[in-house]
Full PDB file with SEQRES, HELIX, SHEET, SSBOND, CRYST1, ORIGX, SCALE, CONECT and MASTER records, all heavy atoms in Angstrom:
SEQRES   1 A   35  PRO ALA LEU ARG GLN LEU GLY ASN ARG LEU VAL GLY ILE          
SEQRES   2 A   35  LEU HIS GLY CYS LEU LYS SER ARG THR LEU TYR ASP GLU          
SEQRES   3 A   35  ALA THR ALA TRP SER HIS HIS ALA THR                          
HELIX    1 AA1 ALA A    2  SER A   20  1                                  19    
HELIX    2 AA2 GLU A   26  ALA A   29  1                                   4    
HELIX    3 AA3 SER A   31  ALA A   34  1                                   4    
CRYST1    1.000    1.000    1.000  90.00  90.00  90.00 P 1           1          
ORIGX1      1.000000  0.000000  0.000000        0.00000                         
ORIGX2      0.000000  1.000000  0.000000        0.00000                         
ORIGX3      0.000000  0.000000  1.000000        0.00000                         
SCALE1      1.000000  0.000000  0.000000        0.00000                         
SCALE2      0.000000  1.000000  0.000000        0.00000                         
SCALE3      0.000000  0.000000  1.000000        0.00000                         
ATOM      1  N   PRO A   1      -0.471 150.295 -39.374  1.00  0.00           N  
ATOM      2  CA  PRO A   1      -1.821 150.611 -38.805  1.00  0.00           C  
ATOM      3  C   PRO A   1      -2.246 149.721 -37.659  1.00  0.00           C  
ATOM      4  O   PRO A   1      -2.836 150.255 -36.598  1.00  0.00           O  
ATOM      5  CB  PRO A   1      -2.806 150.476 -39.922  1.00  0.00           C  
ATOM      6  CG  PRO A   1      -1.969 150.607 -41.137  1.00  0.00           C  
ATOM      7  CD  PRO A   1      -0.633 150.021 -40.775  1.00  0.00           C  
ATOM      8  N   ALA A   2      -1.920 148.473 -37.692  1.00  0.00           N  
ATOM      9  CA  ALA A   2      -2.250 147.472 -36.569  1.00  0.00           C  
ATOM     10  C   ALA A   2      -1.461 147.926 -35.360  1.00  0.00           C  
ATOM     11  O   ALA A   2      -2.010 147.979 -34.207  1.00  0.00           O  
ATOM     12  CB  ALA A   2      -1.933 146.112 -36.971  1.00  0.00           C  
ATOM     13  N   LEU A   3      -0.206 148.260 -35.526  1.00  0.00           N  
ATOM     14  CA  LEU A   3       0.700 148.612 -34.398  1.00  0.00           C  
ATOM     15  C   LEU A   3       0.198 149.911 -33.807  1.00  0.00           C  
ATOM     16  O   LEU A   3       0.179 150.091 -32.554  1.00  0.00           O  
ATOM     17  CB  LEU A   3       2.105 148.756 -34.809  1.00  0.00           C  
ATOM     18  CG  LEU A   3       3.159 148.912 -33.766  1.00  0.00           C  
ATOM     19  CD1 LEU A   3       3.209 147.693 -32.759  1.00  0.00           C  
ATOM     20  CD2 LEU A   3       4.537 149.050 -34.401  1.00  0.00           C  
ATOM     21  N   ARG A   4      -0.297 150.859 -34.626  1.00  0.00           N  
ATOM     22  CA  ARG A   4      -0.717 152.178 -34.189  1.00  0.00           C  
ATOM     23  C   ARG A   4      -1.992 151.943 -33.365  1.00  0.00           C  
ATOM     24  O   ARG A   4      -2.169 152.566 -32.288  1.00  0.00           O  
ATOM     25  CB  ARG A   4      -0.887 153.145 -35.353  1.00  0.00           C  
ATOM     26  CG  ARG A   4      -1.356 154.480 -34.946  1.00  0.00           C  
ATOM     27  CD  ARG A   4      -1.585 155.441 -36.186  1.00  0.00           C  
ATOM     28  NE  ARG A   4      -0.688 155.263 -37.205  1.00  0.00           N  
ATOM     29  CZ  ARG A   4      -1.054 154.820 -38.498  1.00  0.00           C  
ATOM     30  NH1 ARG A   4      -2.293 154.476 -38.703  1.00  0.00           N  
ATOM     31  NH2 ARG A   4      -0.153 154.734 -39.330  1.00  0.00           N  
ATOM     32  N   GLN A   5      -2.930 151.146 -33.882  1.00  0.00           N  
ATOM     33  CA  GLN A   5      -4.185 150.916 -33.172  1.00  0.00           C  
ATOM     34  C   GLN A   5      -3.870 150.261 -31.797  1.00  0.00           C  
ATOM     35  O   GLN A   5      -4.493 150.656 -30.810  1.00  0.00           O  
ATOM     36  CB  GLN A   5      -5.042 149.996 -33.978  1.00  0.00           C  
ATOM     37  CG  GLN A   5      -6.395 149.736 -33.364  1.00  0.00           C  
ATOM     38  CD  GLN A   5      -7.320 148.958 -34.184  1.00  0.00           C  
ATOM     39  OE1 GLN A   5      -6.951 148.390 -35.175  1.00  0.00           O  
ATOM     40  NE2 GLN A   5      -8.637 148.972 -33.804  1.00  0.00           N  
ATOM     41  N   LEU A   6      -2.916 149.343 -31.673  1.00  0.00           N  
ATOM     42  CA  LEU A   6      -2.611 148.667 -30.471  1.00  0.00           C  
ATOM     43  C   LEU A   6      -2.072 149.761 -29.476  1.00  0.00           C  
ATOM     44  O   LEU A   6      -2.381 149.691 -28.306  1.00  0.00           O  
ATOM     45  CB  LEU A   6      -1.652 147.512 -30.699  1.00  0.00           C  
ATOM     46  CG  LEU A   6      -1.131 146.832 -29.388  1.00  0.00           C  
ATOM     47  CD1 LEU A   6      -2.339 146.180 -28.648  1.00  0.00           C  
ATOM     48  CD2 LEU A   6      -0.189 145.714 -29.804  1.00  0.00           C  
ATOM     49  N   GLY A   7      -1.073 150.604 -30.002  1.00  0.00           N  
ATOM     50  CA  GLY A   7      -0.538 151.609 -29.092  1.00  0.00           C  
ATOM     51  C   GLY A   7      -1.566 152.624 -28.689  1.00  0.00           C  
ATOM     52  O   GLY A   7      -1.539 152.963 -27.591  1.00  0.00           O  
ATOM     53  N   ASN A   8      -2.555 152.861 -29.492  1.00  0.00           N  
ATOM     54  CA  ASN A   8      -3.622 153.839 -29.094  1.00  0.00           C  
ATOM     55  C   ASN A   8      -4.512 153.198 -27.990  1.00  0.00           C  
ATOM     56  O   ASN A   8      -4.927 153.739 -27.005  1.00  0.00           O  
ATOM     57  CB  ASN A   8      -4.551 154.154 -30.268  1.00  0.00           C  
ATOM     58  CG  ASN A   8      -3.832 155.154 -31.120  1.00  0.00           C  
ATOM     59  OD1 ASN A   8      -2.874 155.905 -30.722  1.00  0.00           O  
ATOM     60  ND2 ASN A   8      -4.305 155.192 -32.331  1.00  0.00           N  
ATOM     61  N   ARG A   9      -4.697 151.851 -28.080  1.00  0.00           N  
ATOM     62  CA  ARG A   9      -5.494 151.085 -27.131  1.00  0.00           C  
ATOM     63  C   ARG A   9      -4.739 151.169 -25.753  1.00  0.00           C  
ATOM     64  O   ARG A   9      -5.300 151.318 -24.727  1.00  0.00           O  
ATOM     65  CB  ARG A   9      -5.692 149.706 -27.603  1.00  0.00           C  
ATOM     66  CG  ARG A   9      -6.330 148.729 -26.671  1.00  0.00           C  
ATOM     67  CD  ARG A   9      -7.820 149.058 -26.480  1.00  0.00           C  
ATOM     68  NE  ARG A   9      -8.437 148.098 -25.569  1.00  0.00           N  
ATOM     69  CZ  ARG A   9      -9.295 148.333 -24.673  1.00  0.00           C  
ATOM     70  NH1 ARG A   9      -9.823 149.622 -24.621  1.00  0.00           N  
ATOM     71  NH2 ARG A   9      -9.794 147.506 -23.751  1.00  0.00           N  
ATOM     72  N   LEU A  10      -3.461 150.832 -25.775  1.00  0.00           N  
ATOM     73  CA  LEU A  10      -2.675 150.815 -24.535  1.00  0.00           C  
ATOM     74  C   LEU A  10      -2.621 152.172 -23.927  1.00  0.00           C  
ATOM     75  O   LEU A  10      -2.676 152.321 -22.653  1.00  0.00           O  
ATOM     76  CB  LEU A  10      -1.327 150.273 -24.829  1.00  0.00           C  
ATOM     77  CG  LEU A  10      -1.291 148.844 -25.232  1.00  0.00           C  
ATOM     78  CD1 LEU A  10       0.171 148.412 -25.688  1.00  0.00           C  
ATOM     79  CD2 LEU A  10      -1.758 147.998 -24.179  1.00  0.00           C  
ATOM     80  N   VAL A  11      -2.479 153.292 -24.703  1.00  0.00           N  
ATOM     81  CA  VAL A  11      -2.421 154.623 -24.167  1.00  0.00           C  
ATOM     82  C   VAL A  11      -3.799 154.964 -23.533  1.00  0.00           C  
ATOM     83  O   VAL A  11      -3.917 155.463 -22.416  1.00  0.00           O  
ATOM     84  CB  VAL A  11      -2.090 155.679 -25.266  1.00  0.00           C  
ATOM     85  CG1 VAL A  11      -2.374 157.146 -24.764  1.00  0.00           C  
ATOM     86  CG2 VAL A  11      -0.674 155.519 -25.622  1.00  0.00           C  
ATOM     87  N   GLY A  12      -4.948 154.441 -24.170  1.00  0.00           N  
ATOM     88  CA  GLY A  12      -6.225 154.695 -23.640  1.00  0.00           C  
ATOM     89  C   GLY A  12      -6.369 154.036 -22.247  1.00  0.00           C  
ATOM     90  O   GLY A  12      -7.014 154.523 -21.309  1.00  0.00           O  
ATOM     91  N   ILE A  13      -5.879 152.738 -22.146  1.00  0.00           N  
ATOM     92  CA  ILE A  13      -5.943 151.987 -20.903  1.00  0.00           C  
ATOM     93  C   ILE A  13      -5.132 152.684 -19.828  1.00  0.00           C  
ATOM     94  O   ILE A  13      -5.618 152.844 -18.700  1.00  0.00           O  
ATOM     95  CB  ILE A  13      -5.429 150.587 -21.092  1.00  0.00           C  
ATOM     96  CG1 ILE A  13      -6.387 149.779 -21.965  1.00  0.00           C  
ATOM     97  CG2 ILE A  13      -5.190 149.875 -19.799  1.00  0.00           C  
ATOM     98  CD1 ILE A  13      -5.895 148.453 -22.452  1.00  0.00           C  
ATOM     99  N   LEU A  14      -3.914 153.197 -20.162  1.00  0.00           N  
ATOM    100  CA  LEU A  14      -3.054 153.921 -19.191  1.00  0.00           C  
ATOM    101  C   LEU A  14      -3.879 155.183 -18.744  1.00  0.00           C  
ATOM    102  O   LEU A  14      -3.894 155.490 -17.548  1.00  0.00           O  
ATOM    103  CB  LEU A  14      -1.774 154.257 -19.848  1.00  0.00           C  
ATOM    104  CG  LEU A  14      -0.812 155.182 -18.994  1.00  0.00           C  
ATOM    105  CD1 LEU A  14      -0.483 154.492 -17.736  1.00  0.00           C  
ATOM    106  CD2 LEU A  14       0.399 155.593 -19.833  1.00  0.00           C  
ATOM    107  N   HIS A  15      -4.450 155.946 -19.635  1.00  0.00           N  
ATOM    108  CA  HIS A  15      -5.174 157.111 -19.286  1.00  0.00           C  
ATOM    109  C   HIS A  15      -6.275 156.739 -18.297  1.00  0.00           C  
ATOM    110  O   HIS A  15      -6.470 157.485 -17.349  1.00  0.00           O  
ATOM    111  CB  HIS A  15      -5.747 157.791 -20.645  1.00  0.00           C  
ATOM    112  CG  HIS A  15      -6.483 158.956 -20.274  1.00  0.00           C  
ATOM    113  ND1 HIS A  15      -7.834 159.052 -20.133  1.00  0.00           N  
ATOM    114  CD2 HIS A  15      -6.134 160.264 -20.064  1.00  0.00           C  
ATOM    115  CE1 HIS A  15      -8.268 160.189 -19.926  1.00  0.00           C  
ATOM    116  NE2 HIS A  15      -7.260 160.997 -19.830  1.00  0.00           N  
ATOM    117  N   GLY A  16      -7.021 155.737 -18.604  1.00  0.00           N  
ATOM    118  CA  GLY A  16      -8.109 155.336 -17.725  1.00  0.00           C  
ATOM    119  C   GLY A  16      -7.652 154.999 -16.315  1.00  0.00           C  
ATOM    120  O   GLY A  16      -8.254 155.393 -15.375  1.00  0.00           O  
ATOM    121  N   CYS A  17      -6.490 154.315 -16.250  1.00  0.00           N  
ATOM    122  CA  CYS A  17      -5.948 153.901 -14.920  1.00  0.00           C  
ATOM    123  C   CYS A  17      -5.533 155.134 -14.209  1.00  0.00           C  
ATOM    124  O   CYS A  17      -5.796 155.245 -13.011  1.00  0.00           O  
ATOM    125  CB  CYS A  17      -4.675 152.929 -15.175  1.00  0.00           C  
ATOM    126  SG  CYS A  17      -5.210 151.300 -15.683  1.00  0.00           S  
ATOM    127  N   LEU A  18      -4.893 156.033 -14.891  1.00  0.00           N  
ATOM    128  CA  LEU A  18      -4.379 157.302 -14.173  1.00  0.00           C  
ATOM    129  C   LEU A  18      -5.508 158.163 -13.839  1.00  0.00           C  
ATOM    130  O   LEU A  18      -5.608 158.739 -12.673  1.00  0.00           O  
ATOM    131  CB  LEU A  18      -3.421 158.138 -15.133  1.00  0.00           C  
ATOM    132  CG  LEU A  18      -2.120 157.352 -15.464  1.00  0.00           C  
ATOM    133  CD1 LEU A  18      -1.385 158.203 -16.458  1.00  0.00           C  
ATOM    134  CD2 LEU A  18      -1.326 157.207 -14.197  1.00  0.00           C  
ATOM    135  N   LYS A  19      -6.590 158.292 -14.679  1.00  0.00           N  
ATOM    136  CA  LYS A  19      -7.726 159.071 -14.396  1.00  0.00           C  
ATOM    137  C   LYS A  19      -8.541 158.604 -13.207  1.00  0.00           C  
ATOM    138  O   LYS A  19      -8.960 159.440 -12.362  1.00  0.00           O  
ATOM    139  CB  LYS A  19      -8.609 159.183 -15.649  1.00  0.00           C  
ATOM    140  CG  LYS A  19      -9.853 160.111 -15.441  1.00  0.00           C  
ATOM    141  CD  LYS A  19     -10.585 160.204 -16.658  1.00  0.00           C  
ATOM    142  CE  LYS A  19     -11.842 161.086 -16.543  1.00  0.00           C  
ATOM    143  NZ  LYS A  19     -12.595 161.162 -17.849  1.00  0.00           N  
ATOM    144  N   SER A  20      -8.679 157.291 -13.102  1.00  0.00           N  
ATOM    145  CA  SER A  20      -9.469 156.744 -12.080  1.00  0.00           C  
ATOM    146  C   SER A  20      -8.602 156.241 -10.810  1.00  0.00           C  
ATOM    147  O   SER A  20      -9.162 155.790  -9.793  1.00  0.00           O  
ATOM    148  CB  SER A  20     -10.290 155.521 -12.511  1.00  0.00           C  
ATOM    149  OG  SER A  20      -9.303 154.431 -12.948  1.00  0.00           O  
ATOM    150  N   ARG A  21      -7.326 156.477 -10.989  1.00  0.00           N  
ATOM    151  CA  ARG A  21      -6.377 156.131  -9.949  1.00  0.00           C  
ATOM    152  C   ARG A  21      -6.467 154.671  -9.454  1.00  0.00           C  
ATOM    153  O   ARG A  21      -6.599 154.354  -8.291  1.00  0.00           O  
ATOM    154  CB  ARG A  21      -6.428 157.054  -8.721  1.00  0.00           C  
ATOM    155  CG  ARG A  21      -6.115 158.419  -9.036  1.00  0.00           C  
ATOM    156  CD  ARG A  21      -6.135 159.324  -7.868  1.00  0.00           C  
ATOM    157  NE  ARG A  21      -5.689 160.677  -8.240  1.00  0.00           N  
ATOM    158  CZ  ARG A  21      -5.606 161.682  -7.497  1.00  0.00           C  
ATOM    159  NH1 ARG A  21      -5.806 161.500  -6.157  1.00  0.00           N  
ATOM    160  NH2 ARG A  21      -5.187 162.807  -7.900  1.00  0.00           N  
ATOM    161  N   THR A  22      -6.571 153.795 -10.389  1.00  0.00           N  
ATOM    162  CA  THR A  22      -6.701 152.325 -10.243  1.00  0.00           C  
ATOM    163  C   THR A  22      -5.482 151.608 -10.902  1.00  0.00           C  
ATOM    164  O   THR A  22      -4.833 152.127 -11.811  1.00  0.00           O  
ATOM    165  CB  THR A  22      -7.958 151.709 -10.745  1.00  0.00           C  
ATOM    166  OG1 THR A  22      -7.965 152.000 -12.180  1.00  0.00           O  
ATOM    167  CG2 THR A  22      -9.234 152.316 -10.171  1.00  0.00           C  
ATOM    168  N   LEU A  23      -5.212 150.396 -10.385  1.00  0.00           N  
ATOM    169  CA  LEU A  23      -4.115 149.627 -10.950  1.00  0.00           C  
ATOM    170  C   LEU A  23      -4.660 148.962 -12.177  1.00  0.00           C  
ATOM    171  O   LEU A  23      -5.863 148.676 -12.471  1.00  0.00           O  
ATOM    172  CB  LEU A  23      -3.711 148.552  -9.989  1.00  0.00           C  
ATOM    173  CG  LEU A  23      -3.013 149.104  -8.746  1.00  0.00           C  
ATOM    174  CD1 LEU A  23      -2.617 147.941  -7.805  1.00  0.00           C  
ATOM    175  CD2 LEU A  23      -1.765 149.848  -9.040  1.00  0.00           C  
ATOM    176  N   TYR A  24      -3.704 148.576 -13.162  1.00  0.00           N  
ATOM    177  CA  TYR A  24      -4.023 147.937 -14.322  1.00  0.00           C  
ATOM    178  C   TYR A  24      -4.568 146.507 -14.039  1.00  0.00           C  
ATOM    179  O   TYR A  24      -4.034 145.764 -13.256  1.00  0.00           O  
ATOM    180  CB  TYR A  24      -2.833 147.913 -15.251  1.00  0.00           C  
ATOM    181  CG  TYR A  24      -2.999 146.992 -16.524  1.00  0.00           C  
ATOM    182  CD1 TYR A  24      -3.738 147.426 -17.550  1.00  0.00           C  
ATOM    183  CD2 TYR A  24      -2.525 145.689 -16.467  1.00  0.00           C  
ATOM    184  CE1 TYR A  24      -3.939 146.711 -18.699  1.00  0.00           C  
ATOM    185  CE2 TYR A  24      -2.701 144.915 -17.692  1.00  0.00           C  
ATOM    186  CZ  TYR A  24      -3.369 145.434 -18.726  1.00  0.00           C  
ATOM    187  OH  TYR A  24      -3.548 144.596 -19.837  1.00  0.00           O  
ATOM    188  N   ASP A  25      -5.669 146.135 -14.676  1.00  0.00           N  
ATOM    189  CA  ASP A  25      -6.248 144.797 -14.581  1.00  0.00           C  
ATOM    190  C   ASP A  25      -6.508 144.262 -15.943  1.00  0.00           C  
ATOM    191  O   ASP A  25      -7.351 144.746 -16.637  1.00  0.00           O  
ATOM    192  CB  ASP A  25      -7.517 144.830 -13.750  1.00  0.00           C  
ATOM    193  CG  ASP A  25      -8.115 143.540 -13.560  1.00  0.00           C  
ATOM    194  OD1 ASP A  25      -7.469 142.462 -13.772  1.00  0.00           O  
ATOM    195  OD2 ASP A  25      -9.338 143.432 -13.275  1.00  0.00           O  
ATOM    196  N   GLU A  26      -5.730 143.298 -16.389  1.00  0.00           N  
ATOM    197  CA  GLU A  26      -5.884 142.683 -17.707  1.00  0.00           C  
ATOM    198  C   GLU A  26      -7.306 142.269 -17.993  1.00  0.00           C  
ATOM    199  O   GLU A  26      -7.868 142.392 -19.059  1.00  0.00           O  
ATOM    200  CB  GLU A  26      -4.939 141.515 -17.961  1.00  0.00           C  
ATOM    201  CG  GLU A  26      -4.925 141.090 -19.352  1.00  0.00           C  
ATOM    202  CD  GLU A  26      -3.935 140.057 -19.615  1.00  0.00           C  
ATOM    203  OE1 GLU A  26      -3.024 139.822 -18.754  1.00  0.00           O  
ATOM    204  OE2 GLU A  26      -3.900 139.487 -20.697  1.00  0.00           O  
ATOM    205  N   ALA A  27      -7.980 141.587 -17.011  1.00  0.00           N  
ATOM    206  CA  ALA A  27      -9.318 141.121 -17.205  1.00  0.00           C  
ATOM    207  C   ALA A  27     -10.238 142.290 -17.436  1.00  0.00           C  
ATOM    208  O   ALA A  27     -11.218 142.082 -18.261  1.00  0.00           O  
ATOM    209  CB  ALA A  27      -9.730 140.379 -15.997  1.00  0.00           C  
ATOM    210  N   THR A  28     -10.062 143.442 -16.903  1.00  0.00           N  
ATOM    211  CA  THR A  28     -10.919 144.557 -17.121  1.00  0.00           C  
ATOM    212  C   THR A  28     -10.596 145.240 -18.485  1.00  0.00           C  
ATOM    213  O   THR A  28     -11.504 145.540 -19.244  1.00  0.00           O  
ATOM    214  CB  THR A  28     -10.780 145.555 -16.046  1.00  0.00           C  
ATOM    215  OG1 THR A  28     -11.103 144.940 -14.750  1.00  0.00           O  
ATOM    216  CG2 THR A  28     -11.705 146.823 -16.245  1.00  0.00           C  
ATOM    217  N   ALA A  29      -9.329 145.406 -18.693  1.00  0.00           N  
ATOM    218  CA  ALA A  29      -8.828 146.097 -19.999  1.00  0.00           C  
ATOM    219  C   ALA A  29      -9.249 145.416 -21.198  1.00  0.00           C  
ATOM    220  O   ALA A  29      -9.596 146.060 -22.244  1.00  0.00           O  
ATOM    221  CB  ALA A  29      -7.291 146.291 -19.829  1.00  0.00           C  
ATOM    222  N   TRP A  30      -9.182 144.066 -21.194  1.00  0.00           N  
ATOM    223  CA  TRP A  30      -9.448 143.303 -22.450  1.00  0.00           C  
ATOM    224  C   TRP A  30     -10.726 142.425 -22.296  1.00  0.00           C  
ATOM    225  O   TRP A  30     -10.924 141.542 -23.125  1.00  0.00           O  
ATOM    226  CB  TRP A  30      -8.215 142.497 -22.770  1.00  0.00           C  
ATOM    227  CG  TRP A  30      -6.960 143.274 -22.962  1.00  0.00           C  
ATOM    228  CD1 TRP A  30      -6.055 143.477 -22.040  1.00  0.00           C  
ATOM    229  CD2 TRP A  30      -6.655 144.027 -24.105  1.00  0.00           C  
ATOM    230  NE1 TRP A  30      -5.010 144.281 -22.540  1.00  0.00           N  
ATOM    231  CE2 TRP A  30      -5.374 144.649 -23.787  1.00  0.00           C  
ATOM    232  CE3 TRP A  30      -7.190 144.240 -25.348  1.00  0.00           C  
ATOM    233  CZ2 TRP A  30      -4.768 145.373 -24.681  1.00  0.00           C  
ATOM    234  CZ3 TRP A  30      -6.474 144.989 -26.276  1.00  0.00           C  
ATOM    235  CH2 TRP A  30      -5.260 145.582 -25.975  1.00  0.00           C  
ATOM    236  N   SER A  31     -11.636 142.810 -21.395  1.00  0.00           N  
ATOM    237  CA  SER A  31     -12.735 141.971 -21.121  1.00  0.00           C  
ATOM    238  C   SER A  31     -13.696 141.845 -22.390  1.00  0.00           C  
ATOM    239  O   SER A  31     -14.260 140.746 -22.582  1.00  0.00           O  
ATOM    240  CB  SER A  31     -13.527 142.516 -19.984  1.00  0.00           C  
ATOM    241  OG  SER A  31     -14.081 143.799 -20.242  1.00  0.00           O  
ATOM    242  N   HIS A  32     -13.833 142.906 -23.160  1.00  0.00           N  
ATOM    243  CA  HIS A  32     -14.721 142.755 -24.292  1.00  0.00           C  
ATOM    244  C   HIS A  32     -14.158 141.887 -25.352  1.00  0.00           C  
ATOM    245  O   HIS A  32     -14.914 141.187 -26.115  1.00  0.00           O  
ATOM    246  CB  HIS A  32     -14.972 144.163 -24.979  1.00  0.00           C  
ATOM    247  CG  HIS A  32     -13.762 144.802 -25.444  1.00  0.00           C  
ATOM    248  ND1 HIS A  32     -12.814 145.376 -24.589  1.00  0.00           N  
ATOM    249  CD2 HIS A  32     -13.319 145.018 -26.675  1.00  0.00           C  
ATOM    250  CE1 HIS A  32     -11.861 145.862 -25.311  1.00  0.00           C  
ATOM    251  NE2 HIS A  32     -12.131 145.660 -26.572  1.00  0.00           N  
ATOM    252  N   HIS A  33     -12.842 141.648 -25.475  1.00  0.00           N  
ATOM    253  CA  HIS A  33     -12.232 140.648 -26.353  1.00  0.00           C  
ATOM    254  C   HIS A  33     -12.464 139.263 -25.836  1.00  0.00           C  
ATOM    255  O   HIS A  33     -12.548 138.391 -26.608  1.00  0.00           O  
ATOM    256  CB  HIS A  33     -10.781 141.001 -26.572  1.00  0.00           C  
ATOM    257  CG  HIS A  33     -10.611 142.201 -27.437  1.00  0.00           C  
ATOM    258  ND1 HIS A  33     -10.860 142.230 -28.763  1.00  0.00           N  
ATOM    259  CD2 HIS A  33     -10.108 143.416 -27.082  1.00  0.00           C  
ATOM    260  CE1 HIS A  33     -10.558 143.442 -29.154  1.00  0.00           C  
ATOM    261  NE2 HIS A  33     -10.214 144.176 -28.244  1.00  0.00           N  
ATOM    262  N   ALA A  34     -12.366 139.070 -24.514  1.00  0.00           N  
ATOM    263  CA  ALA A  34     -12.543 137.758 -23.891  1.00  0.00           C  
ATOM    264  C   ALA A  34     -13.980 137.183 -24.226  1.00  0.00           C  
ATOM    265  O   ALA A  34     -14.146 136.062 -24.532  1.00  0.00           O  
ATOM    266  CB  ALA A  34     -12.260 137.769 -22.457  1.00  0.00           C  
ATOM    267  N   THR A  35     -15.016 138.139 -24.158  1.00  0.00           N  
ATOM    268  CA  THR A  35     -16.293 137.639 -24.472  1.00  0.00           C  
ATOM    269  C   THR A  35     -16.597 137.305 -25.922  1.00  0.00           C  
ATOM    270  O   THR A  35     -17.204 136.400 -26.262  1.00  0.00           O  
ATOM    271  CB  THR A  35     -17.394 138.742 -24.009  1.00  0.00           C  
ATOM    272  OG1 THR A  35     -17.089 139.919 -24.640  1.00  0.00           O  
ATOM    273  CG2 THR A  35     -17.325 138.942 -22.512  1.00  0.00           C  
TER     274      THR A  35                                                      
MASTER        0    0    0    3    0    0    0    6  273    1    0    3          
END                                                                             
């Protein structure tokens, strides 16, 4: 389940990048965890 959740998170990040036509930025993708 942990691996599935991580995979879903990464697919969601990829989808957001493709939809907005932006490059991946780790600071943006994981910003809520950093705080």
